[in-house]
Protein backbone atom coordinates (compact mmCIF):
# COMPACT_ATOMS: atom_id res chain seq x y z
CA MET A 1 60.04 -17.80 -7.31
CA LYS A 2 58.43 -20.85 -5.68
CA LYS A 3 54.65 -21.23 -5.76
CA SER A 4 54.40 -20.92 -1.95
CA GLU A 5 56.40 -17.67 -2.06
CA LYS A 6 54.13 -16.27 -4.77
CA ILE A 7 51.04 -17.09 -2.68
CA ARG A 8 52.62 -15.53 0.42
CA LYS A 9 53.50 -12.39 -1.57
CA LYS A 10 49.94 -12.07 -2.86
CA ILE A 11 48.56 -12.41 0.67
CA ASN A 12 51.01 -9.81 2.03
CA ASP A 13 50.16 -7.41 -0.81
CA TYR A 14 46.44 -7.86 -0.17
CA LEU A 15 46.82 -7.27 3.56
CA PHE A 16 48.98 -4.22 2.91
CA ASP A 17 46.06 -2.67 1.00
CA HIS A 18 43.49 -3.67 3.66
CA ARG A 19 44.74 -2.18 6.91
CA THR A 20 41.67 -3.03 9.03
CA LEU A 21 41.83 -6.70 8.07
CA ARG A 22 45.58 -6.75 8.74
CA ILE A 23 45.14 -5.29 12.22
CA GLY A 24 42.27 -7.67 12.98
CA LEU A 25 44.32 -10.72 11.97
CA ASP A 26 47.23 -9.44 14.05
CA HIS A 27 45.02 -9.21 17.15
CA LEU A 28 43.54 -12.63 16.41
CA ASN A 29 47.06 -14.07 16.16
CA ALA A 30 48.01 -12.47 19.50
CA PHE A 31 44.86 -13.84 21.17
CA PHE A 32 45.56 -17.31 19.76
CA HIS A 33 49.12 -17.35 21.12
CA ALA A 34 48.02 -15.95 24.50
CA SER A 35 45.22 -18.55 24.85
CA ILE A 36 47.21 -21.61 23.82
CA ALA A 37 50.16 -20.54 26.00
CA ALA A 38 47.78 -20.17 28.97
CA LEU A 39 46.31 -23.61 28.36
CA ILE A 40 49.75 -25.26 28.15
CA PHE A 41 51.00 -23.47 31.27
CA ALA A 42 47.93 -24.35 33.37
CA PHE A 43 48.05 -27.99 32.27
CA GLY A 44 51.79 -28.30 32.99
CA PHE A 45 51.46 -26.66 36.39
CA ALA A 46 48.42 -28.70 37.49
CA ALA A 47 49.65 -32.02 36.10
CA PHE A 48 53.34 -31.92 36.98
CA ILE A 49 54.33 -29.03 39.27
CA SER A 50 51.62 -28.80 41.91
CA PRO A 51 51.80 -31.72 44.41
CA VAL A 52 48.76 -33.98 44.66
CA ASP A 53 49.06 -34.34 48.43
CA GLU A 54 51.52 -33.75 51.28
CA SER A 55 53.49 -36.88 50.37
CA SER A 56 54.52 -35.32 47.05
CA MET A 57 57.50 -32.98 46.90
CA HIS A 58 56.87 -29.31 46.15
CA ILE A 59 58.75 -27.80 43.20
CA ALA A 60 59.43 -24.06 43.20
CA THR A 61 58.83 -22.72 39.70
CA GLY A 62 60.15 -19.18 39.95
CA GLY A 63 58.33 -16.26 38.38
CA VAL A 64 54.96 -15.05 39.60
CA SER A 65 53.82 -18.66 39.94
CA GLY A 66 56.78 -19.14 42.31
CA VAL A 67 55.80 -15.99 44.23
CA SER A 68 52.24 -17.35 44.41
CA GLN A 69 53.57 -20.67 45.71
CA THR A 70 55.49 -18.77 48.39
CA ILE A 71 52.32 -16.90 49.42
CA ALA A 72 50.43 -20.20 49.63
CA LEU A 73 53.25 -21.71 51.71
CA ILE A 74 53.17 -18.78 54.16
CA LEU A 75 49.36 -18.94 54.45
CA LYS A 76 49.56 -22.66 55.14
CA ALA A 77 52.14 -22.06 57.87
CA LEU A 78 49.76 -19.50 59.40
CA ASN A 79 46.98 -22.13 59.46
CA ALA A 80 44.82 -20.27 56.98
CA PRO A 81 41.46 -21.76 55.91
CA GLU A 82 41.65 -24.58 53.39
CA TRP A 83 40.26 -22.45 50.55
CA LEU A 84 43.23 -20.09 51.04
CA THR A 85 45.83 -22.80 50.47
CA GLY A 86 47.04 -24.87 47.55
CA ASN A 87 46.16 -24.15 43.94
CA ASN A 88 43.12 -22.03 44.84
CA VAL A 89 45.22 -19.25 46.38
CA ILE A 90 47.93 -19.76 43.73
CA SER A 91 45.46 -19.09 40.91
CA ILE A 92 44.21 -15.94 42.68
CA ALA A 93 47.67 -14.65 43.65
CA TYR A 94 48.98 -15.38 40.14
CA PHE A 95 46.47 -12.89 38.70
CA VAL A 96 46.78 -10.24 41.44
CA VAL A 97 50.61 -10.12 41.49
CA ASN A 98 50.66 -9.80 37.70
CA ILE A 99 48.59 -6.59 37.66
CA PRO A 100 51.45 -4.13 38.49
CA ILE A 101 53.79 -6.06 36.19
CA ILE A 102 51.35 -5.77 33.28
CA THR A 103 51.03 -2.05 34.06
CA PHE A 104 54.82 -1.82 33.69
CA ALA A 105 54.57 -3.66 30.34
CA PHE A 106 51.87 -1.22 29.16
CA PHE A 107 54.13 1.81 29.60
CA LYS A 108 57.57 0.29 28.90
CA ILE A 109 57.01 -2.35 26.20
CA GLY A 110 53.74 -1.88 24.31
CA LYS A 111 49.97 -1.59 24.69
CA ARG A 112 49.17 -4.65 22.55
CA PHE A 113 51.82 -6.65 24.38
CA ALA A 114 50.33 -5.68 27.76
CA LEU A 115 46.73 -6.32 26.67
CA TYR A 116 47.32 -9.87 25.50
CA THR A 117 49.66 -10.60 28.39
CA LEU A 118 46.68 -9.71 30.61
CA VAL A 119 44.52 -12.06 28.53
CA ASN A 120 47.09 -14.82 29.02
CA VAL A 121 47.31 -14.26 32.78
CA GLY A 122 43.53 -14.23 33.20
CA LEU A 123 43.09 -17.42 31.16
CA SER A 124 46.01 -19.08 32.98
CA SER A 125 44.33 -18.44 36.34
CA ALA A 126 40.99 -19.75 35.06
CA PHE A 127 42.50 -22.85 33.42
CA LEU A 128 44.61 -23.57 36.51
CA PHE A 129 41.53 -23.46 38.72
CA LEU A 130 39.67 -25.83 36.36
CA PHE A 131 42.56 -28.26 35.93
CA SER A 132 43.26 -28.34 39.68
CA ASN A 133 39.72 -29.28 40.69
CA ASN A 134 38.81 -31.77 37.98
CA GLY A 135 39.76 -33.04 34.57
CA PHE A 136 42.51 -34.76 32.68
CA ALA A 137 45.40 -32.90 34.35
CA SER A 138 44.31 -34.00 37.84
CA THR A 139 44.17 -37.62 36.69
CA ILE A 140 47.71 -37.40 35.33
CA ALA A 141 48.98 -35.71 38.50
CA ALA A 142 47.52 -38.50 40.65
CA SER A 143 49.02 -41.34 38.59
CA PRO A 144 51.85 -43.20 40.41
CA PHE A 145 54.29 -42.60 37.53
CA ILE A 146 53.99 -38.83 37.98
CA LYS A 147 53.17 -38.54 41.68
CA ASP A 148 56.03 -40.71 42.94
CA HIS A 149 58.79 -39.57 40.56
CA VAL A 150 59.88 -36.02 41.22
CA LEU A 151 62.44 -36.01 38.38
CA VAL A 152 59.71 -36.88 35.87
CA ARG A 153 57.57 -34.06 37.27
CA VAL A 154 60.46 -31.60 36.98
CA LEU A 155 61.29 -32.52 33.37
CA PHE A 156 57.69 -32.66 32.10
CA GLY A 157 56.73 -29.55 34.03
CA SER A 158 59.70 -27.50 32.80
CA LEU A 159 59.10 -28.60 29.20
CA THR A 160 55.43 -27.59 29.22
CA VAL A 161 56.03 -24.27 31.00
CA GLY A 162 59.00 -23.49 28.74
CA ILE A 163 56.96 -24.24 25.62
CA SER A 164 54.17 -22.07 27.01
CA SER A 165 56.45 -19.03 27.48
CA ALA A 166 58.17 -19.50 24.13
CA PHE A 167 54.86 -19.90 22.28
CA ALA A 168 53.61 -16.67 23.82
CA TYR A 169 56.81 -14.86 22.75
CA LEU A 170 56.26 -16.04 19.16
CA GLY A 171 53.05 -14.00 19.15
CA ASP A 172 54.81 -10.95 20.67
CA VAL A 173 52.99 -11.46 23.98
CA SER A 174 54.13 -13.06 27.24
CA CYS A 175 52.92 -15.23 30.08
CA GLY A 176 53.24 -12.30 32.47
CA GLY A 177 55.35 -12.15 35.59
CA ILE A 178 59.10 -12.44 35.19
CA ASP A 179 58.66 -13.10 31.46
CA VAL A 180 57.76 -9.42 31.10
CA PHE A 181 60.99 -8.24 32.74
CA SER A 182 63.07 -10.82 30.85
CA TYR A 183 61.51 -9.64 27.59
CA TYR A 184 62.12 -5.98 28.47
CA PHE A 185 65.79 -6.44 29.38
CA ALA A 186 66.42 -8.69 26.37
CA LEU A 187 65.03 -5.99 24.06
CA ARG A 188 67.20 -3.34 25.71
CA LYS A 189 70.36 -5.48 25.62
CA SER A 190 69.58 -7.19 22.28
CA THR A 191 70.42 -10.63 23.62
CA SER A 192 68.72 -13.88 24.65
CA ILE A 193 65.82 -13.90 27.11
CA GLY A 194 66.63 -17.07 29.06
CA LYS A 195 69.60 -15.80 31.09
CA TYR A 196 67.55 -12.95 32.58
CA GLY A 197 64.85 -15.43 33.59
CA ILE A 198 67.44 -17.66 35.28
CA LEU A 199 68.85 -14.74 37.29
CA ILE A 200 65.52 -13.37 38.55
CA ASN A 201 63.90 -16.77 39.09
CA GLY A 202 66.96 -18.03 40.95
CA ILE A 203 66.28 -15.43 43.64
CA ILE A 204 62.62 -16.49 43.85
CA ILE A 205 63.25 -20.22 44.24
CA THR A 206 65.97 -19.52 46.81
CA THR A 207 63.41 -17.55 48.85
CA TYR A 208 60.82 -20.32 48.51
CA SER A 209 63.29 -23.00 49.60
CA PHE A 210 64.43 -20.89 52.56
CA ILE A 211 60.85 -20.36 53.73
CA SER A 212 60.08 -24.08 53.35
CA VAL A 213 63.02 -24.85 55.66
CA ILE A 214 61.80 -22.31 58.24
CA THR A 215 58.18 -23.54 58.18
CA ASP A 216 59.14 -27.21 58.47
CA LYS A 217 62.22 -27.41 60.69
CA SER A 218 61.66 -31.14 61.34
CA HIS A 219 62.36 -31.84 57.67
CA TRP A 220 64.83 -29.05 56.91
CA GLU A 221 66.75 -31.20 54.43
CA VAL A 222 63.69 -31.24 52.15
CA GLY A 223 64.18 -27.53 51.51
CA PHE A 224 67.62 -28.16 50.05
CA VAL A 225 66.33 -30.98 47.84
CA VAL A 226 63.52 -28.69 46.64
CA PHE A 227 66.11 -26.03 45.84
CA PHE A 228 68.23 -28.28 43.61
CA PHE A 229 65.26 -29.82 41.78
CA SER A 230 63.89 -26.31 41.27
CA LEU A 231 67.22 -25.22 39.77
CA LEU A 232 66.95 -28.10 37.29
CA TYR A 233 63.39 -27.03 36.47
CA LEU A 234 64.59 -23.46 35.94
CA PHE A 235 67.47 -24.49 33.68
CA VAL A 236 65.34 -26.71 31.42
CA THR A 237 62.53 -24.13 31.19
CA ASN A 238 64.83 -21.31 30.09
CA THR A 239 66.76 -23.57 27.71
CA VAL A 240 63.47 -24.44 25.98
CA VAL A 241 62.53 -20.73 25.78
CA ASP A 242 65.85 -19.76 24.17
CA ALA A 243 65.69 -22.73 21.76
CA ILE A 244 62.25 -21.73 20.43
CA ASN A 245 62.27 -17.94 20.72
CA LEU A 246 64.53 -16.59 17.97
CA ARG A 247 63.57 -12.92 18.13
CA ASN A 248 66.76 -11.79 19.91
CA LYS A 249 69.20 -14.23 18.33
CA LYS A 250 71.60 -12.66 15.85
CA MET A 251 73.53 -14.24 12.99
CA GLN A 252 76.34 -12.85 10.87
CA VAL A 253 76.05 -13.64 7.18
CA GLU A 254 79.26 -13.41 5.12
CA ILE A 255 78.80 -13.48 1.35
CA ILE A 256 81.67 -13.64 -1.16
CA THR A 257 80.38 -12.52 -4.53
CA ASN A 258 81.24 -11.03 -7.90
CA SER A 259 78.02 -9.04 -8.04
CA GLU A 260 78.17 -5.34 -7.22
CA TYR A 261 74.36 -5.30 -6.98
CA LEU A 262 74.06 -7.80 -4.15
CA ALA A 263 74.58 -5.42 -1.22
CA PRO A 264 72.06 -2.80 -2.46
CA VAL A 265 69.47 -5.54 -3.05
CA LEU A 266 69.95 -6.93 0.49
CA ILE A 267 69.67 -3.47 2.07
CA ALA A 268 66.50 -2.76 0.06
CA ASN A 269 64.82 -5.96 1.31
CA PHE A 270 66.00 -6.13 4.94
CA PRO A 271 66.08 -3.37 7.60
CA HIS A 272 69.79 -3.85 8.31
CA GLY A 273 73.01 -2.30 7.09
CA ALA A 274 75.88 -4.14 5.43
CA THR A 275 79.63 -3.75 5.08
CA ILE A 276 81.56 -4.41 1.85
CA VAL A 277 85.21 -5.45 1.88
CA LYS A 278 87.18 -5.80 -1.35
CA GLY A 279 89.13 -9.02 -1.63
CA GLU A 280 90.90 -11.33 -4.04
CA GLY A 281 90.44 -15.00 -4.73
CA ALA A 282 93.50 -16.96 -3.56
CA TYR A 283 93.26 -19.41 -6.46
CA SER A 284 91.75 -17.33 -9.26
CA HIS A 285 93.33 -13.99 -8.26
CA THR A 286 90.12 -12.29 -9.41
CA SER A 287 88.56 -9.39 -7.53
CA LYS A 288 85.81 -10.33 -5.04
CA LEU A 289 83.38 -8.43 -2.85
CA ILE A 290 82.82 -9.69 0.70
CA VAL A 291 79.48 -8.56 2.12
CA TYR A 292 78.97 -8.72 5.89
CA MET A 293 75.45 -8.44 7.29
CA VAL A 294 74.03 -9.12 10.77
CA VAL A 295 70.43 -10.33 10.80
CA SER A 296 67.96 -12.02 13.15
CA SER A 297 67.93 -15.83 13.12
CA SER A 298 64.48 -15.88 11.55
CA GLN A 299 65.79 -13.85 8.57
CA VAL A 300 68.78 -16.04 7.65
CA LYS A 301 66.98 -18.30 5.18
CA SER A 302 65.42 -15.33 3.41
CA VAL A 303 68.78 -13.54 3.14
CA ILE A 304 70.46 -16.64 1.68
CA ALA A 305 67.61 -17.25 -0.78
CA LEU A 306 67.74 -13.65 -2.01
CA ALA A 307 71.54 -13.68 -2.29
CA LYS A 308 71.41 -16.88 -4.35
CA ARG A 309 68.86 -15.33 -6.71
CA VAL A 310 71.14 -12.33 -7.30
CA ASP A 311 74.33 -14.39 -7.55
CA PRO A 312 73.86 -18.19 -7.87
CA HIS A 313 77.63 -18.67 -7.50
CA ALA A 314 78.01 -16.70 -4.25
CA PHE A 315 79.85 -18.35 -1.37
CA ILE A 316 77.90 -17.86 1.88
CA SER A 317 78.81 -18.62 5.48
CA VAL A 318 76.67 -18.02 8.57
CA THR A 319 78.01 -17.50 12.10
CA ALA A 320 76.01 -17.39 15.35
CA LEU A 321 76.63 -14.30 17.50
CA VAL A 322 76.45 -14.05 21.28
CA GLN A 323 75.58 -10.35 21.42
CA VAL A 324 75.53 -7.30 19.17
CA TYR A 325 76.67 -3.83 20.24
CA GLY A 326 75.55 -0.75 18.35
CA ASN A 327 72.40 -0.06 16.37
CA PHE A 328 70.51 -3.15 15.25
CA PHE A 329 66.93 -2.86 14.08
CA ILE A 330 64.35 -5.13 15.72
CA LYS A 331 60.70 -4.68 14.85
CA PRO A 332 59.22 -2.84 17.82
CA VAL A 333 56.65 -4.57 20.04
CA GLU A 334 53.27 -2.85 19.82
């Protein structure tokens, strides 16, 4: 066993015997992921997504931020006071619209998940307000390279927002809004999160683009341009989320071995079943056991390492799976 693995085992054993410390560290980890995700989201939105002035093109982001943008657009069309337009109303609406969604998360996903999603949403609103009125993000947003190049804004904005959502997922929390529903459906269907985000957010950006056409009939073509740039933003964001978040990705591990102990050892160390098929080597004509096991992407390296310790001569292949039907254990979200 490697030195790093020995240290990790000692830490896990110690935490197992000290439940209060383990729970405290778990909450600290959730708060850390929620806070950093909020900071990244607010910076990306203020620096790249939100237009500096009327000469800059609006980008519909989807999600609750997209709903908030739509609210701000409607209020602007109704000639609302200046403090009820732009990022000020977006930061307020972002928090308010998230409340019923977080309530849904509390009852349908998990109490810890909902609590730190609320923390993330509150911090996102606060950071967005700060970044929008002063600071480094405002300086970046006003620079000609960002302000005058909508494609750069779309790419940088989608990368930061995608990283924000994925980083939150790594801590078993979310950035609120549509992320909550995407997470919920992905858990129920045991598949990737991104495609659910694309479907729901596609409806939101279509609505935003349609309203922008109605409110500015003299420049109706802008609404269509906004729509296509927003689709690009949506695609990149959800691609980043699926690339980083591995919780719902499944892999099939196929192990050809001579050891009859391998399958019991794997089952004892991982919360998944396995299937054994008896085979014969085409060259050696000796009896072989073929062990099939489906695991999460994050478990693949551990499965291979354990299999190699049991049988150093085992032949192992790994195949990516699109979706798994039937019972597959995923650690529940608290």
